[in-house]
Amino acid sequence: MTRLRSLIAATSLLALFGATQAALVEAKTVHYANEKACPVVADRPDHKPSIREQIAHTVNGDIAYYRFGRGTPIVLQTGFRATMAEWDAAFLTDLARRHEVIVFDNRGIGRSEPAASSFSARDMTLDAAALIDTLHLSDVTFVGWSMGGAIAQQLAFDPPLAVRRIVLMSAPAPGSLGVPVTPDVEATLSGKPGTSFMDVMRVLFPPTAVDTAQRCFRKNMFQPAGYQPPAISATVTEGQSALLHDWAGDEAAAAALKNVRLATLVLTGADDQVLPKQNSEALAEQIPHAQLLVVRSAGHAMMYQYPQALAAAINAFIARSRPPSSGK
């Protein structure tokens, strides 16, 4: 009997080891070649006169958005105190070569629900779902960057039928799984008095990329005609800060990750100073069959460092996870 118990224990350990090895197969660390700083991008959607800000009148209120490109849709939700302008234009351009791209302002920003006063993860998830429904989208890939990655996770717990896959880019893991934003970093990103543009660049990028970011960040932003990045109010800052703090203590969300059934790609920079890569590693470990891509020498705003490579990674993920019956 003792021998039988030992054999069962050994078998269980081997099974656990095998499962761990299988999970590791889904993880990949890559080193991308440096991409051109301040690139001149052909066919930038934000430079086309036909691209205009639109308003979706959803059941959750008005949501301001831009829509461009052709193909299956990618909906992108931005991060803490960010506007649509914070997306890198080269990154969006490459996505739009194969897909329809929808970017939008979070509630309380610009023309998106200017009177918004509640900013829970559920509030913002319902906004995203309402936008997808109002635009009658199907076969959606939902990309969440930074705080937007928390919204993408919440969306995946009870996803609209239209959403087929999620991409978590530099995203926070919930509850005890995560390594939360430090008070100093949060203070910088919150625009505390005395914070300079260079201070923000030092947080968003690794030291080797800061000088390039200082020269190119503003030039590389998504800047369609007629869109002026709105000021971020104290109400929005406080509401989104509370969202992140709540997410850092949300053990129910941490447990729910094991039930996510959407195809999931987790992207992280190895040198992310805002949300260390341990967050993404925990997400990939918890979400069934998630794919993890760790990018060396990449910071929190890595789509500015490697726009083409990351767009290619997302495009490849969509192609791999598209249902064979779609015919597209």
C-alpha atoms as a PDB file:
ATOM      1  CA  MET A   1       0.000   0.000   0.000  1.00  0.00           C
ATOM      2  CA  THR A   2       2.849   2.381   0.851  1.00  0.00           C
ATOM      3  CA  ARG A   3       4.443   1.643  -2.512  1.00  0.00           C
ATOM      4  CA  LEU A   4       1.128   2.267  -4.285  1.00  0.00           C
ATOM      5  CA  ARG A   5       0.760   5.639  -2.538  1.00  0.00           C
ATOM      6  CA  SER A   6       4.320   6.560  -3.539  1.00  0.00           C
ATOM      7  CA  LEU A   7       3.588   5.601  -7.131  1.00  0.00           C
ATOM      8  CA  ILE A   8       0.396   7.696  -7.163  1.00  0.00           C
ATOM      9  CA  ALA A   9       2.273  10.671  -5.684  1.00  0.00           C
ATOM     10  CA  ALA A  10       5.052  10.323  -8.232  1.00  0.00           C
ATOM     11  CA  THR A  11       2.524  10.081 -11.058  1.00  0.00           C
ATOM     12  CA  SER A  12       0.768  13.220  -9.797  1.00  0.00           C
ATOM     13  CA  LEU A  13       4.065  15.104  -9.672  1.00  0.00           C
ATOM     14  CA  LEU A  14       4.914  14.001 -13.203  1.00  0.00           C
ATOM     15  CA  ALA A  15       1.489  15.136 -14.385  1.00  0.00           C
ATOM     16  CA  LEU A  16       1.967  18.498 -12.668  1.00  0.00           C
ATOM     17  CA  PHE A  17       5.419  18.841 -14.222  1.00  0.00           C
ATOM     18  CA  GLY A  18       3.996  17.966 -17.628  1.00  0.00           C
ATOM     19  CA  ALA A  19       1.241  20.550 -17.262  1.00  0.00           C
ATOM     20  CA  THR A  20       3.807  23.161 -16.243  1.00  0.00           C
ATOM     21  CA  GLN A  21       5.939  22.343 -19.266  1.00  0.00           C
ATOM     22  CA  ALA A  22       2.871  22.593 -21.514  1.00  0.00           C
ATOM     23  CA  ALA A  23       2.141  26.048 -20.104  1.00  0.00           C
ATOM     24  CA  LEU A  24       5.715  27.120 -20.758  1.00  0.00           C
ATOM     25  CA  VAL A  25       5.332  26.190 -24.423  1.00  0.00           C
ATOM     26  CA  GLU A  26       2.807  29.029 -24.658  1.00  0.00           C
ATOM     27  CA  ALA A  27       5.367  31.542 -23.341  1.00  0.00           C
ATOM     28  CA  LYS A  28       7.915  33.193 -25.601  1.00  0.00           C
ATOM     29  CA  THR A  29      10.560  35.842 -25.044  1.00  0.00           C
ATOM     30  CA  VAL A  30      11.540  37.827 -28.115  1.00  0.00           C
ATOM     31  CA  HIS A  31      14.078  40.493 -28.977  1.00  0.00           C
ATOM     32  CA  TYR A  32      12.813  42.793 -31.696  1.00  0.00           C
ATOM     33  CA  ALA A  33      15.142  44.825 -33.877  1.00  0.00           C
ATOM     34  CA  ASN A  34      15.044  48.539 -33.159  1.00  0.00           C
ATOM     35  CA  GLU A  35      12.473  50.291 -35.331  1.00  0.00           C
ATOM     36  CA  LYS A  36      13.021  53.697 -36.884  1.00  0.00           C
ATOM     37  CA  ALA A  37      12.507  56.607 -34.517  1.00  0.00           C
ATOM     38  CA  CYS A  38       9.998  59.272 -35.567  1.00  0.00           C
ATOM     39  CA  PRO A  39       9.020  57.216 -38.646  1.00  0.00           C
ATOM     40  CA  VAL A  40       7.352  58.690 -41.697  1.00  0.00           C
ATOM     41  CA  VAL A  41       4.378  56.345 -42.008  1.00  0.00           C
ATOM     42  CA  ALA A  42       2.576  55.996 -45.324  1.00  0.00           C
ATOM     43  CA  ASP A  43      -1.223  55.998 -45.187  1.00  0.00           C
ATOM     44  CA  ARG A  44      -1.476  57.145 -41.577  1.00  0.00           C
ATOM     45  CA  PRO A  45      -5.220  57.039 -40.899  1.00  0.00           C
ATOM     46  CA  ASP A  46      -5.035  60.128 -38.716  1.00  0.00           C
ATOM     47  CA  HIS A  47      -3.694  62.116 -41.668  1.00  0.00           C
ATOM     48  CA  LYS A  48      -6.633  61.247 -43.924  1.00  0.00           C
ATOM     49  CA  PRO A  49      -9.233  64.025 -44.290  1.00  0.00           C
ATOM     50  CA  SER A  50     -12.024  61.447 -44.348  1.00  0.00           C
ATOM     51  CA  ILE A  51     -11.270  60.279 -40.785  1.00  0.00           C
ATOM     52  CA  ARG A  52     -13.504  62.121 -38.351  1.00  0.00           C
ATOM     53  CA  GLU A  53     -14.450  61.684 -34.726  1.00  0.00           C
ATOM     54  CA  GLN A  54     -17.859  60.041 -34.392  1.00  0.00           C
ATOM     55  CA  ILE A  55     -20.268  59.660 -31.482  1.00  0.00           C
ATOM     56  CA  ALA A  56     -21.934  56.341 -30.661  1.00  0.00           C
ATOM     57  CA  HIS A  57     -25.212  56.914 -28.828  1.00  0.00           C
ATOM     58  CA  THR A  58     -25.138  53.779 -26.658  1.00  0.00           C
ATOM     59  CA  VAL A  59     -27.384  52.601 -23.852  1.00  0.00           C
ATOM     60  CA  ASN A  60     -24.573  53.636 -21.519  1.00  0.00           C
ATOM     61  CA  GLY A  61     -24.298  57.135 -22.929  1.00  0.00           C
ATOM     62  CA  ASP A  62     -22.301  58.797 -25.679  1.00  0.00           C
ATOM     63  CA  ILE A  63     -18.906  57.374 -26.587  1.00  0.00           C
ATOM     64  CA  ALA A  64     -16.516  59.221 -28.912  1.00  0.00           C
ATOM     65  CA  TYR A  65     -14.584  57.039 -31.339  1.00  0.00           C
ATOM     66  CA  TYR A  66     -12.650  56.799 -34.600  1.00  0.00           C
ATOM     67  CA  ARG A  67     -13.065  53.955 -37.071  1.00  0.00           C
ATOM     68  CA  PHE A  68     -10.785  53.087 -40.003  1.00  0.00           C
ATOM     69  CA  GLY A  69      -9.306  50.181 -41.961  1.00  0.00           C
ATOM     70  CA  ARG A  70     -10.969  47.090 -43.385  1.00  0.00           C
ATOM     71  CA  GLY A  71     -11.348  43.533 -42.119  1.00  0.00           C
ATOM     72  CA  THR A  72     -12.442  41.914 -38.882  1.00  0.00           C
ATOM     73  CA  PRO A  73     -12.645  44.550 -36.146  1.00  0.00           C
ATOM     74  CA  ILE A  74     -10.100  45.342 -33.449  1.00  0.00           C
ATOM     75  CA  VAL A  75     -11.424  47.496 -30.601  1.00  0.00           C
ATOM     76  CA  LEU A  76      -8.718  49.137 -28.494  1.00  0.00           C
ATOM     77  CA  GLN A  77      -9.203  50.479 -24.970  1.00  0.00           C
ATOM     78  CA  THR A  78      -6.542  52.800 -23.664  1.00  0.00           C
ATOM     79  CA  GLY A  79      -5.074  53.186 -20.193  1.00  0.00           C
ATOM     80  CA  PHE A  80      -4.852  55.336 -17.087  1.00  0.00           C
ATOM     81  CA  ARG A  81      -5.567  59.020 -17.786  1.00  0.00           C
ATOM     82  CA  ALA A  82      -4.980  58.387 -21.483  1.00  0.00           C
ATOM     83  CA  THR A  83      -6.921  59.643 -24.485  1.00  0.00           C
ATOM     84  CA  MET A  84      -7.244  58.190 -27.978  1.00  0.00           C
ATOM     85  CA  ALA A  85      -4.210  60.276 -28.916  1.00  0.00           C
ATOM     86  CA  GLU A  86      -1.927  58.111 -26.761  1.00  0.00           C
ATOM     87  CA  TRP A  87      -2.076  55.273 -29.300  1.00  0.00           C
ATOM     88  CA  ASP A  88       0.982  55.128 -31.535  1.00  0.00           C
ATOM     89  CA  ALA A  89      -0.039  56.023 -35.099  1.00  0.00           C
ATOM     90  CA  ALA A  90       2.344  53.549 -36.762  1.00  0.00           C
ATOM     91  CA  PHE A  91       0.965  50.735 -34.589  1.00  0.00           C
ATOM     92  CA  LEU A  92      -2.631  51.594 -35.528  1.00  0.00           C
ATOM     93  CA  THR A  93      -1.678  51.978 -39.198  1.00  0.00           C
ATOM     94  CA  ASP A  94      -0.227  48.474 -39.363  1.00  0.00           C
ATOM     95  CA  LEU A  95      -3.268  46.984 -37.613  1.00  0.00           C
ATOM     96  CA  ALA A  96      -5.561  48.803 -40.063  1.00  0.00           C
ATOM     97  CA  ARG A  97      -3.846  47.228 -43.075  1.00  0.00           C
ATOM     98  CA  ARG A  98      -5.621  43.958 -42.212  1.00  0.00           C
ATOM     99  CA  HIS A  99      -8.422  44.957 -39.850  1.00  0.00           C
ATOM    100  CA  GLU A 100     -11.008  47.568 -39.096  1.00  0.00           C
ATOM    101  CA  VAL A 101      -9.697  49.521 -36.110  1.00  0.00           C
ATOM    102  CA  ILE A 102     -11.887  51.261 -33.527  1.00  0.00           C
ATOM    103  CA  VAL A 103     -10.326  53.493 -30.875  1.00  0.00           C
ATOM    104  CA  PHE A 104     -12.380  55.427 -28.336  1.00  0.00           C
ATOM    105  CA  ASP A 105     -12.114  57.744 -25.373  1.00  0.00           C
ATOM    106  CA  ASN A 106     -12.900  56.310 -21.956  1.00  0.00           C
ATOM    107  CA  ARG A 107     -15.866  57.694 -20.036  1.00  0.00           C
ATOM    108  CA  GLY A 108     -15.427  61.178 -18.658  1.00  0.00           C
ATOM    109  CA  ILE A 109     -12.820  62.061 -21.309  1.00  0.00           C
ATOM    110  CA  GLY A 110     -13.490  64.375 -24.229  1.00  0.00           C
ATOM    111  CA  ARG A 111     -16.916  63.715 -25.720  1.00  0.00           C
ATOM    112  CA  SER A 112     -17.337  60.326 -24.033  1.00  0.00           C
ATOM    113  CA  GLU A 113     -19.920  60.729 -21.274  1.00  0.00           C
ATOM    114  CA  PRO A 114     -18.605  64.089 -20.045  1.00  0.00           C
ATOM    115  CA  ALA A 115     -20.816  63.855 -16.953  1.00  0.00           C
ATOM    116  CA  ALA A 116     -19.508  60.430 -15.891  1.00  0.00           C
ATOM    117  CA  SER A 117     -18.855  60.151 -12.161  1.00  0.00           C
ATOM    118  CA  SER A 118     -18.442  56.393 -11.612  1.00  0.00           C
ATOM    119  CA  PHE A 119     -15.388  54.587 -12.948  1.00  0.00           C
ATOM    120  CA  SER A 120     -15.507  50.988 -11.764  1.00  0.00           C
ATOM    121  CA  ALA A 121     -14.150  48.203 -13.968  1.00  0.00           C
ATOM    122  CA  ARG A 122     -17.743  47.082 -14.497  1.00  0.00           C
ATOM    123  CA  ASP A 123     -18.824  50.596 -15.561  1.00  0.00           C
ATOM    124  CA  MET A 124     -16.110  50.759 -18.180  1.00  0.00           C
ATOM    125  CA  THR A 125     -16.694  47.186 -19.310  1.00  0.00           C
ATOM    126  CA  LEU A 126     -20.354  47.977 -19.914  1.00  0.00           C
ATOM    127  CA  ASP A 127     -19.258  51.020 -21.938  1.00  0.00           C
ATOM    128  CA  ALA A 128     -17.060  48.860 -24.153  1.00  0.00           C
ATOM    129  CA  ALA A 129     -19.770  46.233 -24.597  1.00  0.00           C
ATOM    130  CA  ALA A 130     -22.329  48.936 -25.432  1.00  0.00           C
ATOM    131  CA  LEU A 131     -20.009  50.437 -28.060  1.00  0.00           C
ATOM    132  CA  ILE A 132     -19.468  47.023 -29.676  1.00  0.00           C
ATOM    133  CA  ASP A 133     -23.213  46.416 -29.708  1.00  0.00           C
ATOM    134  CA  THR A 134     -24.109  49.860 -31.046  1.00  0.00           C
ATOM    135  CA  LEU A 135     -21.614  49.525 -33.915  1.00  0.00           C
ATOM    136  CA  HIS A 136     -22.997  46.034 -34.727  1.00  0.00           C
ATOM    137  CA  LEU A 137     -19.537  44.469 -34.703  1.00  0.00           C
ATOM    138  CA  SER A 138     -18.778  40.756 -34.972  1.00  0.00           C
ATOM    139  CA  ASP A 139     -15.678  38.546 -34.615  1.00  0.00           C
ATOM    140  CA  VAL A 140     -14.117  41.234 -32.404  1.00  0.00           C
ATOM    141  CA  THR A 141     -10.582  41.264 -31.042  1.00  0.00           C
ATOM    142  CA  PHE A 142     -10.507  43.453 -27.930  1.00  0.00           C
ATOM    143  CA  VAL A 143      -7.140  45.006 -27.049  1.00  0.00           C
ATOM    144  CA  GLY A 144      -6.636  46.548 -23.619  1.00  0.00           C
ATOM    145  CA  TRP A 145      -3.477  48.481 -22.802  1.00  0.00           C
ATOM    146  CA  SER A 146      -2.465  49.152 -19.176  1.00  0.00           C
ATOM    147  CA  MET A 147      -5.659  49.939 -17.236  1.00  0.00           C
ATOM    148  CA  GLY A 148      -7.518  48.976 -20.395  1.00  0.00           C
ATOM    149  CA  GLY A 149      -6.148  45.475 -19.852  1.00  0.00           C
ATOM    150  CA  ALA A 150      -8.144  45.238 -16.619  1.00  0.00           C
ATOM    151  CA  ILE A 151     -11.269  46.182 -18.582  1.00  0.00           C
ATOM    152  CA  ALA A 152     -10.449  43.523 -21.183  1.00  0.00           C
ATOM    153  CA  GLN A 153     -10.212  40.895 -18.439  1.00  0.00           C
ATOM    154  CA  GLN A 154     -13.517  41.999 -16.928  1.00  0.00           C
ATOM    155  CA  LEU A 155     -15.076  41.873 -20.388  1.00  0.00           C
ATOM    156  CA  ALA A 156     -13.821  38.302 -20.835  1.00  0.00           C
ATOM    157  CA  PHE A 157     -15.608  37.058 -17.694  1.00  0.00           C
ATOM    158  CA  ASP A 158     -18.995  37.448 -19.405  1.00  0.00           C
ATOM    159  CA  PRO A 159     -18.111  38.447 -22.955  1.00  0.00           C
ATOM    160  CA  PRO A 160     -20.549  39.779 -25.541  1.00  0.00           C
ATOM    161  CA  LEU A 161     -21.126  37.210 -28.286  1.00  0.00           C
ATOM    162  CA  ALA A 162     -19.294  39.490 -30.717  1.00  0.00           C
ATOM    163  CA  VAL A 163     -15.992  39.280 -28.786  1.00  0.00           C
ATOM    164  CA  ARG A 164     -13.883  36.288 -29.827  1.00  0.00           C
ATOM    165  CA  ARG A 165     -10.441  37.078 -28.445  1.00  0.00           C
ATOM    166  CA  ILE A 166      -8.605  39.494 -26.155  1.00  0.00           C
ATOM    167  CA  VAL A 167      -5.117  40.993 -26.111  1.00  0.00           C
ATOM    168  CA  LEU A 168      -3.775  42.104 -22.734  1.00  0.00           C
ATOM    169  CA  MET A 169      -0.942  44.565 -23.304  1.00  0.00           C
ATOM    170  CA  SER A 170       1.060  45.719 -20.276  1.00  0.00           C
ATOM    171  CA  ALA A 171      -1.967  44.816 -18.163  1.00  0.00           C
ATOM    172  CA  PRO A 172      -2.439  44.593 -14.382  1.00  0.00           C
ATOM    173  CA  ALA A 173      -3.217  41.202 -12.838  1.00  0.00           C
ATOM    174  CA  PRO A 174      -6.001  41.348 -10.244  1.00  0.00           C
ATOM    175  CA  GLY A 175      -5.814  40.621  -6.532  1.00  0.00           C
ATOM    176  CA  SER A 176      -2.830  38.879  -5.015  1.00  0.00           C
ATOM    177  CA  LEU A 177      -1.730  37.719  -8.481  1.00  0.00           C
ATOM    178  CA  GLY A 178      -0.580  41.202  -9.381  1.00  0.00           C
ATOM    179  CA  VAL A 179       2.296  43.546  -8.678  1.00  0.00           C
ATOM    180  CA  PRO A 180       0.492  46.898  -8.447  1.00  0.00           C
ATOM    181  CA  VAL A 181       1.676  50.300  -9.592  1.00  0.00           C
ATOM    182  CA  THR A 182       3.942  51.881  -6.981  1.00  0.00           C
ATOM    183  CA  PRO A 183       2.833  55.138  -5.327  1.00  0.00           C
ATOM    184  CA  ASP A 184       5.703  57.075  -6.940  1.00  0.00           C
ATOM    185  CA  VAL A 185       4.861  55.858 -10.429  1.00  0.00           C
ATOM    186  CA  GLU A 186       1.158  56.502  -9.901  1.00  0.00           C
ATOM    187  CA  ALA A 187       1.914  60.023  -8.704  1.00  0.00           C
ATOM    188  CA  THR A 188       3.947  60.710 -11.856  1.00  0.00           C
ATOM    189  CA  LEU A 189       1.277  59.327 -14.178  1.00  0.00           C
ATOM    190  CA  SER A 190      -1.398  61.241 -12.228  1.00  0.00           C
ATOM    191  CA  GLY A 191       0.313  64.507 -13.154  1.00  0.00           C
ATOM    192  CA  LYS A 192       1.320  65.568  -9.662  1.00  0.00           C
ATOM    193  CA  PRO A 193       2.516  69.187  -9.424  1.00  0.00           C
ATOM    194  CA  GLY A 194       6.004  69.568 -10.813  1.00  0.00           C
ATOM    195  CA  THR A 195       5.799  66.495 -13.069  1.00  0.00           C
ATOM    196  CA  SER A 196       7.556  67.093 -16.393  1.00  0.00           C
ATOM    197  CA  PHE A 197       7.102  65.424 -19.758  1.00  0.00           C
ATOM    198  CA  MET A 198      10.533  63.837 -19.284  1.00  0.00           C
ATOM    199  CA  ASP A 199       9.433  62.379 -15.932  1.00  0.00           C
ATOM    200  CA  VAL A 200       6.563  60.609 -17.684  1.00  0.00           C
ATOM    201  CA  MET A 201       8.850  59.336 -20.455  1.00  0.00           C
ATOM    202  CA  ARG A 202      11.217  57.877 -17.846  1.00  0.00           C
ATOM    203  CA  VAL A 203       8.310  55.912 -16.385  1.00  0.00           C
ATOM    204  CA  LEU A 204       6.862  54.693 -19.681  1.00  0.00           C
ATOM    205  CA  PHE A 205      10.145  53.667 -21.309  1.00  0.00           C
ATOM    206  CA  PRO A 206      13.372  51.888 -20.315  1.00  0.00           C
ATOM    207  CA  PRO A 207      16.467  54.106 -19.946  1.00  0.00           C
ATOM    208  CA  THR A 208      17.824  53.160 -23.374  1.00  0.00           C
ATOM    209  CA  ALA A 209      14.650  54.424 -25.077  1.00  0.00           C
ATOM    210  CA  VAL A 210      13.956  57.617 -23.123  1.00  0.00           C
ATOM    211  CA  ASP A 211      15.866  60.033 -25.379  1.00  0.00           C
ATOM    212  CA  THR A 212      14.103  58.715 -28.475  1.00  0.00           C
ATOM    213  CA  ALA A 213      10.757  58.905 -26.687  1.00  0.00           C
ATOM    214  CA  GLN A 214      11.390  62.511 -25.723  1.00  0.00           C
ATOM    215  CA  ARG A 215      12.051  63.396 -29.378  1.00  0.00           C
ATOM    216  CA  CYS A 216       9.391  61.266 -31.021  1.00  0.00           C
ATOM    217  CA  PHE A 217       6.499  60.535 -28.660  1.00  0.00           C
ATOM    218  CA  ARG A 218       4.391  63.558 -29.590  1.00  0.00           C
ATOM    219  CA  LYS A 219       5.104  63.152 -33.311  1.00  0.00           C
ATOM    220  CA  ASN A 220       4.103  59.501 -33.196  1.00  0.00           C
ATOM    221  CA  MET A 221       0.783  60.028 -31.399  1.00  0.00           C
ATOM    222  CA  PHE A 222      -2.544  59.426 -33.129  1.00  0.00           C
ATOM    223  CA  GLN A 223      -3.482  62.979 -34.159  1.00  0.00           C
ATOM    224  CA  PRO A 224      -6.497  63.170 -36.488  1.00  0.00           C
ATOM    225  CA  ALA A 225      -7.596  66.553 -37.752  1.00  0.00           C
ATOM    226  CA  GLY A 226     -10.026  68.256 -35.426  1.00  0.00           C
ATOM    227  CA  TYR A 227      -9.176  66.131 -32.388  1.00  0.00           C
ATOM    228  CA  GLN A 228      -7.519  67.942 -29.538  1.00  0.00           C
ATOM    229  CA  PRO A 229      -6.486  65.636 -26.677  1.00  0.00           C
ATOM    230  CA  PRO A 230      -8.762  66.786 -23.849  1.00  0.00           C
ATOM    231  CA  ALA A 231      -7.588  67.715 -20.388  1.00  0.00           C
ATOM    232  CA  ILE A 232      -8.031  64.944 -17.832  1.00  0.00           C
ATOM    233  CA  SER A 233     -10.164  66.117 -14.931  1.00  0.00           C
ATOM    234  CA  ALA A 234      -9.530  65.444 -11.258  1.00  0.00           C
ATOM    235  CA  THR A 235     -12.750  63.376 -11.245  1.00  0.00           C
ATOM    236  CA  VAL A 236     -11.389  61.070 -13.942  1.00  0.00           C
ATOM    237  CA  THR A 237      -7.985  60.809 -12.267  1.00  0.00           C
ATOM    238  CA  GLU A 238      -9.499  59.943  -8.895  1.00  0.00           C
ATOM    239  CA  GLY A 239     -12.020  57.533 -10.421  1.00  0.00           C
ATOM    240  CA  GLN A 240      -9.453  55.650 -12.481  1.00  0.00           C
ATOM    241  CA  SER A 241      -7.028  55.551  -9.531  1.00  0.00           C
ATOM    242  CA  ALA A 242      -9.773  53.962  -7.443  1.00  0.00           C
ATOM    243  CA  LEU A 243     -10.407  51.443 -10.238  1.00  0.00           C
ATOM    244  CA  LEU A 244      -6.748  50.371 -10.211  1.00  0.00           C
ATOM    245  CA  HIS A 245      -6.653  50.118  -6.424  1.00  0.00           C
ATOM    246  CA  ASP A 246      -9.849  48.051  -6.401  1.00  0.00           C
ATOM    247  CA  TRP A 247      -8.453  45.793  -9.133  1.00  0.00           C
ATOM    248  CA  ALA A 248      -5.308  45.228  -7.079  1.00  0.00           C
ATOM    249  CA  GLY A 249      -7.515  43.820  -4.300  1.00  0.00           C
ATOM    250  CA  ASP A 250     -10.037  41.949  -6.450  1.00  0.00           C
ATOM    251  CA  GLU A 251      -9.587  38.291  -5.514  1.00  0.00           C
ATOM    252  CA  ALA A 252     -12.873  37.350  -7.196  1.00  0.00           C
ATOM    253  CA  ALA A 253     -11.488  38.576 -10.510  1.00  0.00           C
ATOM    254  CA  ALA A 254      -8.261  36.654  -9.904  1.00  0.00           C
ATOM    255  CA  ALA A 255     -10.242  33.449  -9.398  1.00  0.00           C
ATOM    256  CA  ALA A 256     -12.472  34.143 -12.418  1.00  0.00           C
ATOM    257  CA  LEU A 257      -9.488  34.215 -14.784  1.00  0.00           C
ATOM    258  CA  LYS A 258      -9.452  30.408 -14.714  1.00  0.00           C
ATOM    259  CA  ASN A 259     -12.873  30.435 -16.380  1.00  0.00           C
ATOM    260  CA  VAL A 260     -11.962  32.685 -19.312  1.00  0.00           C
ATOM    261  CA  ARG A 261     -12.736  30.879 -22.565  1.00  0.00           C
ATOM    262  CA  LEU A 262     -11.688  33.501 -25.086  1.00  0.00           C
ATOM    263  CA  ALA A 263      -8.464  33.127 -27.049  1.00  0.00           C
ATOM    264  CA  THR A 264      -5.981  35.319 -25.166  1.00  0.00           C
ATOM    265  CA  LEU A 265      -2.659  36.923 -26.066  1.00  0.00           C
ATOM    266  CA  VAL A 266      -0.679  38.504 -23.212  1.00  0.00           C
ATOM    267  CA  LEU A 267       1.978  41.048 -24.207  1.00  0.00           C
ATOM    268  CA  THR A 268       4.493  42.595 -21.818  1.00  0.00           C
ATOM    269  CA  GLY A 269       7.755  44.482 -21.840  1.00  0.00           C
ATOM    270  CA  ALA A 270      10.606  42.901 -19.909  1.00  0.00           C
ATOM    271  CA  ASP A 271      11.521  46.388 -18.625  1.00  0.00           C
ATOM    272  CA  ASP A 272       8.030  47.653 -17.759  1.00  0.00           C
ATOM    273  CA  GLN A 273       8.404  50.010 -14.785  1.00  0.00           C
ATOM    274  CA  VAL A 274       4.670  50.666 -14.403  1.00  0.00           C
ATOM    275  CA  LEU A 275       3.299  47.116 -14.305  1.00  0.00           C
ATOM    276  CA  PRO A 276       6.195  44.643 -14.037  1.00  0.00           C
ATOM    277  CA  LYS A 277       6.097  41.581 -16.266  1.00  0.00           C
ATOM    278  CA  GLN A 278       5.145  39.400 -13.282  1.00  0.00           C
ATOM    279  CA  ASN A 279       1.602  40.684 -13.872  1.00  0.00           C
ATOM    280  CA  SER A 280       1.526  39.285 -17.388  1.00  0.00           C
ATOM    281  CA  GLU A 281       3.178  36.036 -16.336  1.00  0.00           C
ATOM    282  CA  ALA A 282       0.465  35.550 -13.696  1.00  0.00           C
ATOM    283  CA  LEU A 283      -2.281  36.336 -16.218  1.00  0.00           C
ATOM    284  CA  ALA A 284      -0.905  33.843 -18.730  1.00  0.00           C
ATOM    285  CA  GLU A 285      -0.631  31.189 -16.037  1.00  0.00           C
ATOM    286  CA  GLN A 286      -4.230  31.687 -14.862  1.00  0.00           C
ATOM    287  CA  ILE A 287      -6.050  32.066 -18.185  1.00  0.00           C
ATOM    288  CA  PRO A 288      -6.496  28.711 -19.931  1.00  0.00           C
ATOM    289  CA  HIS A 289      -4.389  28.365 -23.092  1.00  0.00           C
ATOM    290  CA  ALA A 290      -3.234  31.988 -22.966  1.00  0.00           C
ATOM    291  CA  GLN A 291      -0.195  32.870 -25.057  1.00  0.00           C
ATOM    292  CA  LEU A 292       2.487  35.019 -23.419  1.00  0.00           C
ATOM    293  CA  LEU A 293       4.938  37.170 -25.351  1.00  0.00           C
ATOM    294  CA  VAL A 294       7.661  38.957 -23.366  1.00  0.00           C
ATOM    295  CA  VAL A 295       9.518  41.640 -25.328  1.00  0.00           C
ATOM    296  CA  ARG A 296      13.064  42.375 -24.252  1.00  0.00           C
ATOM    297  CA  SER A 297      14.174  45.997 -23.830  1.00  0.00           C
ATOM    298  CA  ALA A 298      10.526  47.098 -23.921  1.00  0.00           C
ATOM    299  CA  GLY A 299       8.765  49.383 -21.479  1.00  0.00           C
ATOM    300  CA  HIS A 300       5.160  50.057 -20.552  1.00  0.00           C
ATOM    301  CA  ALA A 301       4.404  51.993 -23.751  1.00  0.00           C
ATOM    302  CA  MET A 302       6.118  49.401 -25.919  1.00  0.00           C
ATOM    303  CA  MET A 303       3.852  49.998 -28.944  1.00  0.00           C
ATOM    304  CA  TYR A 304       5.884  53.209 -29.447  1.00  0.00           C
ATOM    305  CA  GLN A 305       9.143  51.240 -29.466  1.00  0.00           C
ATOM    306  CA  TYR A 306       8.046  48.321 -31.644  1.00  0.00           C
ATOM    307  CA  PRO A 307       4.847  49.339 -33.482  1.00  0.00           C
ATOM    308  CA  GLN A 308       5.343  47.111 -36.523  1.00  0.00           C
ATOM    309  CA  ALA A 309       6.503  44.053 -34.600  1.00  0.00           C
ATOM    310  CA  LEU A 310       3.667  44.225 -32.075  1.00  0.00           C
ATOM    311  CA  ALA A 311       1.053  44.811 -34.765  1.00  0.00           C
ATOM    312  CA  ALA A 312       2.446  41.773 -36.593  1.00  0.00           C
ATOM    313  CA  ALA A 313       2.228  39.701 -33.392  1.00  0.00           C
ATOM    314  CA  ILE A 314      -1.413  40.695 -32.898  1.00  0.00           C
ATOM    315  CA  ASN A 315      -2.251  40.061 -36.550  1.00  0.00           C
ATOM    316  CA  ALA A 316      -0.665  36.598 -36.341  1.00  0.00           C
ATOM    317  CA  PHE A 317      -2.578  35.819 -33.137  1.00  0.00           C
ATOM    318  CA  ILE A 318      -5.875  36.786 -34.764  1.00  0.00           C
ATOM    319  CA  ALA A 319      -5.124  34.676 -37.823  1.00  0.00           C
ATOM    320  CA  ARG A 320      -4.270  31.642 -35.664  1.00  0.00           C
ATOM    321  CA  SER A 321      -7.355  31.955 -33.470  1.00  0.00           C
ATOM    322  CA  ARG A 322      -9.923  32.768 -36.144  1.00  0.00           C
ATOM    323  CA  PRO A 323     -12.581  30.066 -36.517  1.00  0.00           C
ATOM    324  CA  PRO A 324     -11.920  27.979 -39.673  1.00  0.00           C
ATOM    325  CA  SER A 325     -15.562  28.382 -40.669  1.00  0.00           C
ATOM    326  CA  SER A 326     -15.239  32.185 -40.904  1.00  0.00           C
ATOM    327  CA  GLY A 327     -13.857  31.925 -44.426  1.00  0.00           C
ATOM    328  CA  LYS A 328     -11.823  35.084 -43.927  1.00  0.00           C
END
